[in-house]
Amino acid sequence: LKSFDLDLIILTVKAFDTEKAISQIKEFIQPKTYLLIAQNGYGNYEKAIQVIPKNQVVLSRIIFGARIIEPGFAEVTVFGDDVVIGQPENVISKKTLENIARILNQAGIPTKISGEVYAILWEKIIYNSALNPLGALLEKTYGELAENYETRFLMDRIIDEIFETLKAYGIKLRWETSEAYKNHFYQNLIPPTAKHYPSMYYDLKNGKPTEIDALNGAIVNLAEQRGLKTPVNKFITLMIKQMEKAFSTTT
């Protein structure tokens, strides 16, 4: 690969492998190579720009699920919305971003660009944090979580705590309040993915580590740095970590 001038590298590893992956690919990053962060959770972009110039790092929000059929082939199992790409600090030209989006669209992956990609990614982090750990712990689909009073109550508290944390950091979303986001969450985001089980559920079943530290765990850490408490997110994080230990010893 060193003999090729790569135009685009897409990073899709789980969040806990981000640093290792970036250390392995940095030697392939040429002055005109772009790195597209196509991952879940908080911290992937932040880790990437510590190693790679930020004017070569593109952030994305992915909200579709897929499974590998065989090497080189994957099946999209659930589709929530178009992929959104952008540069959080606006240091990559619109033309370059449009070219990347065009390539992805030609490959059959609906993609658009946005100057609000960082806020849009945070909305996905909220979505994942509310649904993934509860779905994994209780072995429920997204739709089942939304239909149940107890799990809906917990998801509401998770979302409220995240909004309070983001407010402390001055991170603005497209929804000014957690209530406004929750209306969007239940009315627009969950219905198209109602039958979906979170990947965290399969990770636990297969004895693999989860991305909890980039989701609810990241919220807990960010909140603590501002002197805030996020008891529901912390409880969920501890439960998943305990389940990771339990499943890793039985598989």
Foldseek 3Di string as FASTA:
>chain_A
DLVDQAQEDEDEDEPVCLLVVLVVCVSNHDPRHAYEDEYAFPDNLVNNCVRDPLLRYKYKAADWDWDAPDVPDIDTDFHQDAMEIDRQVRNYDPVSVVVVQVVCVVVVGNYDYDNLRVLVSVLVLLLCLLAQLVCQVVVFFLQVLCVDPVSVVLSLLSLQLLLVLCVLVVNDHPDRHSVVSVVCCNPRRCVRRRRPRHVLNVCLQVLHDHNLCRHLVVSQVSQVVSVHHRVSSVVSSVVSVVSSVVSNVVD
